[in-house]
């Protein structure tokens, strides 16, 4: 249970990080 929950949180963090990078790239291209 603990390992599964830890993996879930890690996956959520990675997804949030990817979304932040994607939104940052979109905003960067939009500013250009």
PDB file of N, CA and C in Angstrom:
ATOM      1  N   UNK A   1       0.835  -1.204   0.000  1.00  0.00           N
ATOM      2  CA  UNK A   1       0.000   0.000   0.000  1.00  0.00           C
ATOM      3  C   UNK A   1       0.870   1.255   0.000  1.00  0.00           C
ATOM      4  N   UNK A   2       1.867   1.274   0.889  1.00  0.00           N
ATOM      5  CA  UNK A   2       2.715   2.471   0.961  1.00  0.00           C
ATOM      6  C   UNK A   2       3.448   2.699  -0.352  1.00  0.00           C
ATOM      7  N   UNK A   3       3.996   1.602  -0.926  1.00  0.00           N
ATOM      8  CA  UNK A   3       4.739   1.751  -2.178  1.00  0.00           C
ATOM      9  C   UNK A   3       3.803   2.217  -3.294  1.00  0.00           C
ATOM     10  N   UNK A   4       2.591   1.660  -3.349  1.00  0.00           N
ATOM     11  CA  UNK A   4       1.642   2.039  -4.398  1.00  0.00           C
ATOM     12  C   UNK A   4       1.296   3.521  -4.266  1.00  0.00           C
ATOM     13  N   UNK A   5       1.031   3.964  -3.041  1.00  0.00           N
ATOM     14  CA  UNK A   5       0.686   5.372  -2.825  1.00  0.00           C
ATOM     15  C   UNK A   5       1.870   6.257  -3.206  1.00  0.00           C
ATOM     16  N   UNK A   6       3.083   5.850  -2.830  1.00  0.00           N
ATOM     17  CA  UNK A   6       4.282   6.633  -3.158  1.00  0.00           C
ATOM     18  C   UNK A   6       4.427   6.739  -4.673  1.00  0.00           C
ATOM     19  N   UNK A   7       4.255   5.618  -5.379  1.00  0.00           N
ATOM     20  CA  UNK A   7       4.372   5.631  -6.843  1.00  0.00           C
ATOM     21  C   UNK A   7       3.304   6.539  -7.446  1.00  0.00           C
ATOM     22  N   UNK A   8       2.097   6.535  -6.866  1.00  0.00           N
ATOM     23  CA  UNK A   8       1.016   7.377  -7.378  1.00  0.00           C
ATOM     24  C   UNK A   8       1.400   8.846  -7.242  1.00  0.00           C
ATOM     25  N   UNK A   9       1.928   9.220  -6.065  1.00  0.00           N
ATOM     26  CA  UNK A   9       2.323  10.618  -5.860  1.00  0.00           C
ATOM     27  C   UNK A   9       3.447  11.000  -6.812  1.00  0.00           C
ATOM     28  N   UNK A  10       4.389  10.092  -7.032  1.00  0.00           N
ATOM     29  CA  UNK A  10       5.504  10.372  -7.954  1.00  0.00           C
ATOM     30  C   UNK A  10       4.956  10.584  -9.360  1.00  0.00           C
ATOM     31  N   UNK A  11       4.015   9.740  -9.779  1.00  0.00           N
ATOM     32  CA  UNK A  11       3.430   9.869 -11.115  1.00  0.00           C
ATOM     33  C   UNK A  11       2.706  11.209 -11.238  1.00  0.00           C
ATOM     34  N   UNK A  12       1.970  11.608 -10.191  1.00  0.00           N
ATOM     35  CA  UNK A  12       1.245  12.890 -10.216  1.00  0.00           C
ATOM     36  C   UNK A  12       2.232  14.039 -10.317  1.00  0.00           C
ATOM     37  N   UNK A  13       3.340  13.958  -9.571  1.00  0.00           N
ATOM     38  CA  UNK A  13       4.342  15.028  -9.621  1.00  0.00           C
ATOM     39  C   UNK A  13       4.932  15.132 -11.019  1.00  0.00           C
ATOM     40  N   UNK A  14       5.232  13.977 -11.642  1.00  0.00           N
ATOM     41  CA  UNK A  14       5.809  13.980 -12.995  1.00  0.00           C
ATOM     42  C   UNK A  14       4.816  14.579 -13.986  1.00  0.00           C
ATOM     43  N   UNK A  15       3.538  14.201 -13.861  1.00  0.00           N
ATOM     44  CA  UNK A  15       2.518  14.727 -14.775  1.00  0.00           C
ATOM     45  C   UNK A  15       2.393  16.237 -14.603  1.00  0.00           C
ATOM     46  N   UNK A  16       2.368  16.713 -13.351  1.00  0.00           N
ATOM     47  CA  UNK A  16       2.266  18.157 -13.099  1.00  0.00           C
ATOM     48  C   UNK A  16       3.479  18.871 -13.675  1.00  0.00           C
ATOM     49  N   UNK A  17       4.654  18.275 -13.512  1.00  0.00           N
ATOM     50  CA  UNK A  17       5.879  18.889 -14.027  1.00  0.00           C
ATOM     51  C   UNK A  17       5.812  18.983 -15.552  1.00  0.00           C
ATOM     52  N   UNK A  18       5.353  17.914 -16.206  1.00  0.00           N
ATOM     53  CA  UNK A  18       5.237  17.926 -17.668  1.00  0.00           C
ATOM     54  C   UNK A  18       4.226  18.981 -18.106  1.00  0.00           C
ATOM     55  N   UNK A  19       3.097  19.086 -17.394  1.00  0.00           N
ATOM     56  CA  UNK A  19       2.088  20.089 -17.753  1.00  0.00           C
ATOM     57  C   UNK A  19       2.658  21.487 -17.583  1.00  0.00           C
ATOM     58  N   UNK A  20       3.429  21.706 -16.510  1.00  0.00           N
ATOM     59  CA  UNK A  20       4.029  23.022 -16.277  1.00  0.00           C
ATOM     60  C   UNK A  20       5.003  23.357 -17.401  1.00  0.00           C
ATOM     61  N   UNK A  21       5.814  22.383 -17.812  1.00  0.00           N
ATOM     62  CA  UNK A  21       6.771  22.619 -18.904  1.00  0.00           C
ATOM     63  C   UNK A  21       6.028  22.913 -20.206  1.00  0.00           C
ATOM     64  N   UNK A  22       4.973  22.150 -20.483  1.00  0.00           N
ATOM     65  CA  UNK A  22       4.207  22.360 -21.711  1.00  0.00           C
ATOM     66  C   UNK A  22       3.562  23.737 -21.709  1.00  0.00           C
ATOM     67  N   UNK A  23       2.933  24.127 -20.600  1.00  0.00           N
ATOM     68  CA  UNK A  23       2.282  25.437 -20.523  1.00  0.00           C
ATOM     69  C   UNK A  23       3.329  26.542 -20.638  1.00  0.00           C
ATOM     70  N   UNK A  24       4.507  26.328 -20.044  1.00  0.00           N
ATOM     71  CA  UNK A  24       5.583  27.318 -20.139  1.00  0.00           C
ATOM     72  C   UNK A  24       6.026  27.479 -21.584  1.00  0.00           C
ATOM     73  N   UNK A  25       6.152  26.364 -22.312  1.00  0.00           N
ATOM     74  CA  UNK A  25       6.553  26.433 -23.725  1.00  0.00           C
ATOM     75  C   UNK A  25       5.478  27.155 -24.528  1.00  0.00           C
ATOM     76  N   UNK A  26       4.211  26.862 -24.256  1.00  0.00           N
ATOM     77  CA  UNK A  26       3.106  27.502 -24.986  1.00  0.00           C
ATOM     78  C   UNK A  26       3.122  29.005 -24.720  1.00  0.00           C
ATOM     79  N   UNK A  27       3.296  29.404 -23.460  1.00  0.00           N
ATOM     80  CA  UNK A  27       3.336  30.832 -23.124  1.00  0.00           C
ATOM     81  C   UNK A  27       4.545  31.484 -23.773  1.00  0.00           C
ATOM     82  N   UNK A  28       5.667  30.765 -23.795  1.00  0.00           N
ATOM     83  CA  UNK A  28       6.880  31.302 -24.414  1.00  0.00           C
ATOM     84  C   UNK A  28       6.661  31.553 -25.901  1.00  0.00           C
ATOM     85  N   UNK A  29       6.059  30.561 -26.589  1.00  0.00           N
ATOM     86  CA  UNK A  29       5.800  30.733 -28.024  1.00  0.00           C
ATOM     87  C   UNK A  29       4.785  31.848 -28.232  1.00  0.00           C
ATOM     88  N   UNK A  30       3.792  31.940 -27.324  1.00  0.00           N
ATOM     89  CA  UNK A  30       2.765  32.982 -27.452  1.00  0.00           C
ATOM     90  C   UNK A  30       3.364  34.373 -27.311  1.00  0.00           C
ATOM     91  N   UNK A  31       4.364  34.521 -26.426  1.00  0.00           N
ATOM     92  CA  UNK A  31       4.981  35.836 -26.229  1.00  0.00           C
ATOM     93  C   UNK A  31       5.775  36.234 -27.461  1.00  0.00           C
ATOM     94  N   UNK A  32       6.325  35.244 -28.181  1.00  0.00           N
ATOM     95  CA  UNK A  32       7.069  35.555 -29.411  1.00  0.00           C
ATOM     96  C   UNK A  32       6.077  35.913 -30.508  1.00  0.00           C
TER      97      UNK A  32
END
